[in-house]
Amino acid sequence: FVKKGRFSDMLAHVPVYVVLNPKPALLGAAYYGLNL
């Protein structure tokens, strides 16, 4: 991920997360709907 040439210094500081939930979009939509 960080081996991108001129962007390597910038990308080295970008956090990377692994999403293990199979339905993250559904959870996001439900959260949004509850907070309207």
C-alpha atoms as a PDB file:
ATOM      1  CA  PHE A   1       0.000   0.000   0.000  1.00  0.00           C
ATOM      2  CA  VAL A   2       2.715   2.497   0.886  1.00  0.00           C
ATOM      3  CA  LYS A   3       4.992   1.652  -2.062  1.00  0.00           C
ATOM      4  CA  LYS A   4       3.420   4.272  -4.355  1.00  0.00           C
ATOM      5  CA  GLY A   5       6.450   6.295  -5.428  1.00  0.00           C
ATOM      6  CA  ARG A   6       6.085   9.990  -4.720  1.00  0.00           C
ATOM      7  CA  PHE A   7       3.066   9.365  -2.468  1.00  0.00           C
ATOM      8  CA  SER A   8       4.853   6.868  -0.199  1.00  0.00           C
ATOM      9  CA  ASP A   9       5.644   9.442   2.524  1.00  0.00           C
ATOM     10  CA  MET A  10       2.027  10.597   2.654  1.00  0.00           C
ATOM     11  CA  LEU A  11       0.547   7.086   2.537  1.00  0.00           C
ATOM     12  CA  ALA A  12       2.819   5.868   5.332  1.00  0.00           C
ATOM     13  CA  HIS A  13       0.757   8.016   7.738  1.00  0.00           C
ATOM     14  CA  VAL A  14      -2.692   6.948   6.482  1.00  0.00           C
ATOM     15  CA  PRO A  15      -4.344   4.389   8.799  1.00  0.00           C
ATOM     16  CA  VAL A  16      -5.681   1.226   7.175  1.00  0.00           C
ATOM     17  CA  TYR A  17      -8.560  -0.662   8.781  1.00  0.00           C
ATOM     18  CA  VAL A  18      -9.945  -4.113   7.997  1.00  0.00           C
ATOM     19  CA  VAL A  19     -13.736  -4.341   8.032  1.00  0.00           C
ATOM     20  CA  LEU A  20     -14.796  -7.825   9.106  1.00  0.00           C
ATOM     21  CA  ASN A  21     -18.561  -7.217   9.166  1.00  0.00           C
ATOM     22  CA  PRO A  22     -20.208  -8.606   6.002  1.00  0.00           C
ATOM     23  CA  LYS A  23     -22.871  -5.832   5.954  1.00  0.00           C
ATOM     24  CA  PRO A  24     -21.193  -2.515   6.792  1.00  0.00           C
ATOM     25  CA  ALA A  25     -23.357  -0.543   4.348  1.00  0.00           C
ATOM     26  CA  LEU A  26     -26.541  -1.783   6.023  1.00  0.00           C
ATOM     27  CA  LEU A  27     -25.224  -0.764   9.440  1.00  0.00           C
ATOM     28  CA  GLY A  28     -24.301   2.661   8.107  1.00  0.00           C
ATOM     29  CA  ALA A  29     -27.741   3.138   6.580  1.00  0.00           C
ATOM     30  CA  ALA A  30     -29.432   2.085   9.824  1.00  0.00           C
ATOM     31  CA  TYR A  31     -27.266   4.462  11.851  1.00  0.00           C
ATOM     32  CA  TYR A  32     -28.044   7.304   9.462  1.00  0.00           C
ATOM     33  CA  GLY A  33     -31.778   6.523   9.567  1.00  0.00           C
ATOM     34  CA  LEU A  34     -31.838   6.534  13.359  1.00  0.00           C
ATOM     35  CA  ASN A  35     -30.104   9.915  13.504  1.00  0.00           C
ATOM     36  CA  LEU A  36     -32.292  11.882  11.075  1.00  0.00           C
END
